[in-house]
Amino acid sequence: MTLPVNAEVKGVAEDADGGVYVALLSTDAKGVTTGGLYVTRDGGKTWTQVGKDRVLAAPAGSGLVCSADAGKTWAKRCPAAP
């Protein structure tokens, strides 16, 4: 897949195996804000959305938290995602 068009890059990180992670945020014409975390392992030729079945949030001062139940509960440690 390719990365979403007109998205704002909120963060970039590289893991020890050379995977590059990009956090994106975008707002559509109706004002709906969406975002996602994407990873590439081939220098940016292809991207995979990470944890698309999970809700991810980064509240001020709390780091990254995730929810596997649509936001009912939150955890600082997210289960491994493909």
N, C-alpha and C. Protein backbone atom coordinates (compact mmCIF):
# COMPACT_ATOMS: atom_id res chain seq x y z
N MET A 1 0.83 -1.18 0.00
CA MET A 1 0.00 0.00 0.00
C MET A 1 0.87 1.24 0.00
N THR A 2 0.31 2.34 -0.40
CA THR A 2 1.01 3.62 -0.34
C THR A 2 0.49 4.40 0.87
N LEU A 3 1.22 5.39 1.27
CA LEU A 3 0.79 6.21 2.40
C LEU A 3 -0.35 7.14 1.98
N PRO A 4 -1.22 7.51 2.92
CA PRO A 4 -2.32 8.43 2.60
C PRO A 4 -1.79 9.77 2.08
N VAL A 5 -2.52 10.35 1.14
CA VAL A 5 -2.15 11.64 0.57
C VAL A 5 -2.58 12.75 1.54
N ASN A 6 -1.85 13.83 1.57
CA ASN A 6 -2.16 15.00 2.39
C ASN A 6 -2.19 14.71 3.88
N ALA A 7 -1.40 13.76 4.33
CA ALA A 7 -1.33 13.46 5.76
C ALA A 7 -0.14 14.20 6.37
N GLU A 8 -0.29 14.59 7.61
CA GLU A 8 0.77 15.28 8.34
C GLU A 8 1.59 14.24 9.10
N VAL A 9 2.90 14.27 8.92
CA VAL A 9 3.78 13.35 9.64
C VAL A 9 3.92 13.86 11.07
N LYS A 10 3.57 13.00 12.03
CA LYS A 10 3.64 13.37 13.44
C LYS A 10 4.85 12.76 14.13
N GLY A 11 5.44 11.72 13.52
CA GLY A 11 6.61 11.10 14.12
C GLY A 11 7.20 10.05 13.20
N VAL A 12 8.51 9.83 13.33
CA VAL A 12 9.23 8.83 12.55
C VAL A 12 10.19 8.13 13.50
N ALA A 13 10.28 6.80 13.38
CA ALA A 13 11.21 6.03 14.21
C ALA A 13 11.71 4.83 13.41
N GLU A 14 12.91 4.37 13.74
CA GLU A 14 13.49 3.20 13.09
C GLU A 14 13.77 2.15 14.15
N ASP A 15 13.45 0.87 13.84
CA ASP A 15 13.75 -0.19 14.79
C ASP A 15 15.12 -0.80 14.49
N ALA A 16 15.57 -1.70 15.36
CA ALA A 16 16.90 -2.30 15.24
C ALA A 16 17.06 -3.13 13.97
N ASP A 17 15.96 -3.59 13.38
CA ASP A 17 16.02 -4.40 12.17
C ASP A 17 15.88 -3.57 10.90
N GLY A 18 15.84 -2.25 11.02
CA GLY A 18 15.77 -1.38 9.85
C GLY A 18 14.37 -1.00 9.43
N GLY A 19 13.35 -1.44 10.15
CA GLY A 19 11.98 -1.03 9.84
C GLY A 19 11.80 0.44 10.19
N VAL A 20 11.15 1.18 9.31
CA VAL A 20 10.88 2.60 9.55
C VAL A 20 9.40 2.77 9.81
N TYR A 21 9.07 3.40 10.93
CA TYR A 21 7.69 3.63 11.34
C TYR A 21 7.36 5.11 11.17
N VAL A 22 6.17 5.39 10.62
CA VAL A 22 5.72 6.76 10.43
C VAL A 22 4.32 6.89 11.03
N ALA A 23 4.13 7.88 11.89
CA ALA A 23 2.82 8.19 12.45
C ALA A 23 2.24 9.35 11.65
N LEU A 24 1.03 9.15 11.09
CA LEU A 24 0.40 10.15 10.24
C LEU A 24 -0.94 10.59 10.81
N LEU A 25 -1.31 11.82 10.51
CA LEU A 25 -2.60 12.37 10.92
C LEU A 25 -3.15 13.17 9.75
N SER A 26 -4.42 12.96 9.42
CA SER A 26 -5.03 13.72 8.32
C SER A 26 -6.46 14.09 8.67
N THR A 27 -6.94 15.14 8.03
CA THR A 27 -8.32 15.60 8.22
C THR A 27 -8.97 15.66 6.85
N ASP A 28 -10.14 15.01 6.72
CA ASP A 28 -10.83 15.00 5.42
C ASP A 28 -11.64 16.28 5.23
N ALA A 29 -12.32 16.39 4.08
CA ALA A 29 -13.07 17.59 3.73
C ALA A 29 -14.20 17.89 4.72
N LYS A 30 -14.69 16.86 5.42
CA LYS A 30 -15.77 17.05 6.40
C LYS A 30 -15.24 17.38 7.79
N GLY A 31 -13.92 17.45 7.92
CA GLY A 31 -13.32 17.78 9.21
C GLY A 31 -13.07 16.59 10.11
N VAL A 32 -13.23 15.38 9.58
CA VAL A 32 -12.99 14.17 10.36
C VAL A 32 -11.49 13.88 10.37
N THR A 33 -10.94 13.76 11.57
CA THR A 33 -9.51 13.51 11.72
C THR A 33 -9.27 12.02 11.88
N THR A 34 -8.35 11.49 11.11
CA THR A 34 -7.95 10.09 11.22
C THR A 34 -6.44 10.02 11.22
N GLY A 35 -5.93 8.91 11.62
CA GLY A 35 -4.49 8.75 11.63
C GLY A 35 -4.11 7.29 11.63
N GLY A 36 -2.84 7.05 11.61
CA GLY A 36 -2.39 5.67 11.62
C GLY A 36 -0.89 5.59 11.78
N LEU A 37 -0.46 4.40 12.10
CA LEU A 37 0.96 4.09 12.22
C LEU A 37 1.29 3.12 11.10
N TYR A 38 2.33 3.43 10.32
CA TYR A 38 2.70 2.64 9.16
C TYR A 38 4.15 2.23 9.27
N VAL A 39 4.50 1.06 8.70
CA VAL A 39 5.88 0.58 8.72
C VAL A 39 6.29 0.16 7.31
N THR A 40 7.54 0.43 6.98
CA THR A 40 8.14 -0.06 5.74
C THR A 40 9.41 -0.82 6.09
N ARG A 41 9.64 -1.89 5.38
CA ARG A 41 10.87 -2.67 5.57
C ARG A 41 11.64 -2.78 4.26
N ASP A 42 11.22 -1.99 3.26
CA ASP A 42 11.89 -2.04 1.95
C ASP A 42 12.24 -0.64 1.45
N GLY A 43 12.60 0.23 2.38
CA GLY A 43 13.03 1.57 2.01
C GLY A 43 11.94 2.48 1.52
N GLY A 44 10.68 2.19 1.86
CA GLY A 44 9.57 3.06 1.50
C GLY A 44 8.83 2.66 0.24
N LYS A 45 9.22 1.55 -0.38
CA LYS A 45 8.51 1.09 -1.59
C LYS A 45 7.09 0.66 -1.25
N THR A 46 6.93 -0.04 -0.13
CA THR A 46 5.60 -0.46 0.32
C THR A 46 5.46 -0.16 1.80
N TRP A 47 4.22 0.04 2.23
CA TRP A 47 3.90 0.37 3.61
C TRP A 47 2.78 -0.54 4.10
N THR A 48 2.82 -0.88 5.38
CA THR A 48 1.77 -1.66 6.01
C THR A 48 1.27 -0.88 7.22
N GLN A 49 -0.05 -0.79 7.36
CA GLN A 49 -0.59 -0.12 8.54
C GLN A 49 -0.46 -1.05 9.74
N VAL A 50 0.06 -0.54 10.82
CA VAL A 50 0.29 -1.32 12.04
C VAL A 50 -0.90 -1.15 12.97
N GLY A 51 -1.40 -2.26 13.49
CA GLY A 51 -2.45 -2.20 14.50
C GLY A 51 -3.73 -1.56 14.03
N LYS A 52 -4.11 -1.75 12.76
CA LYS A 52 -5.30 -1.07 12.26
C LYS A 52 -6.58 -1.53 12.94
N ASP A 53 -6.56 -2.67 13.62
CA ASP A 53 -7.73 -3.14 14.35
C ASP A 53 -7.73 -2.66 15.80
N ARG A 54 -6.73 -1.86 16.15
CA ARG A 54 -6.62 -1.33 17.50
C ARG A 54 -6.77 0.18 17.46
N VAL A 55 -7.16 0.73 18.59
CA VAL A 55 -7.21 2.19 18.73
C VAL A 55 -5.93 2.61 19.42
N LEU A 56 -5.20 3.53 18.80
CA LEU A 56 -3.96 4.05 19.38
C LEU A 56 -4.17 5.51 19.75
N ALA A 57 -3.58 5.92 20.86
CA ALA A 57 -3.68 7.32 21.29
C ALA A 57 -2.37 7.72 21.95
N ALA A 58 -2.09 9.01 21.93
CA ALA A 58 -0.89 9.53 22.57
C ALA A 58 -1.27 10.75 23.40
N PRO A 59 -1.95 10.53 24.55
CA PRO A 59 -2.33 11.66 25.39
C PRO A 59 -1.09 12.37 25.95
N ALA A 60 -1.19 13.66 26.13
CA ALA A 60 -0.06 14.47 26.60
C ALA A 60 0.55 13.87 27.87
N GLY A 61 1.84 13.64 27.83
CA GLY A 61 2.57 13.15 28.98
C GLY A 61 2.39 11.68 29.30
N SER A 62 1.65 10.95 28.46
CA SER A 62 1.39 9.54 28.77
C SER A 62 2.05 8.57 27.80
N GLY A 63 2.67 9.06 26.75
CA GLY A 63 3.25 8.16 25.76
C GLY A 63 2.16 7.51 24.93
N LEU A 64 2.49 6.44 24.25
CA LEU A 64 1.54 5.74 23.39
C LEU A 64 0.75 4.72 24.21
N VAL A 65 -0.57 4.75 24.09
CA VAL A 65 -1.44 3.76 24.72
C VAL A 65 -2.32 3.15 23.65
N CYS A 66 -2.85 1.95 23.92
CA CYS A 66 -3.69 1.30 22.92
C CYS A 66 -4.89 0.63 23.58
N SER A 67 -5.89 0.39 22.74
CA SER A 67 -7.10 -0.27 23.18
C SER A 67 -7.48 -1.32 22.15
N ALA A 68 -7.77 -2.52 22.61
CA ALA A 68 -8.22 -3.60 21.72
C ALA A 68 -9.73 -3.78 21.80
N ASP A 69 -10.42 -2.91 22.57
CA ASP A 69 -11.87 -3.05 22.74
C ASP A 69 -12.59 -1.72 22.47
N ALA A 70 -12.16 -1.04 21.41
CA ALA A 70 -12.79 0.20 20.95
C ALA A 70 -12.77 1.32 22.01
N GLY A 71 -11.74 1.34 22.85
CA GLY A 71 -11.58 2.43 23.79
C GLY A 71 -12.18 2.22 25.16
N LYS A 72 -12.73 1.03 25.43
CA LYS A 72 -13.29 0.77 26.77
C LYS A 72 -12.19 0.67 27.81
N THR A 73 -11.08 0.03 27.45
CA THR A 73 -9.93 -0.07 28.35
C THR A 73 -8.68 0.30 27.57
N TRP A 74 -7.66 0.76 28.30
CA TRP A 74 -6.43 1.21 27.68
C TRP A 74 -5.24 0.55 28.36
N ALA A 75 -4.17 0.33 27.59
CA ALA A 75 -2.95 -0.27 28.13
C ALA A 75 -1.74 0.46 27.58
N LYS A 76 -0.70 0.58 28.41
CA LYS A 76 0.55 1.19 27.95
C LYS A 76 1.36 0.22 27.11
N ARG A 77 1.11 -1.07 27.28
CA ARG A 77 1.79 -2.08 26.46
C ARG A 77 0.78 -2.68 25.51
N CYS A 78 1.02 -2.50 24.24
CA CYS A 78 0.12 -3.04 23.22
C CYS A 78 0.57 -4.44 22.83
N PRO A 79 -0.38 -5.35 22.63
CA PRO A 79 0.00 -6.67 22.14
C PRO A 79 0.71 -6.54 20.79
N ALA A 80 1.61 -7.47 20.52
CA ALA A 80 2.35 -7.44 19.25
C ALA A 80 1.40 -7.42 18.07
N ALA A 81 1.75 -6.65 17.08
CA ALA A 81 0.95 -6.55 15.86
C ALA A 81 1.81 -7.00 14.68
N PRO A 82 1.18 -7.59 13.68
CA PRO A 82 1.97 -8.02 12.52
C PRO A 82 2.56 -6.84 11.78
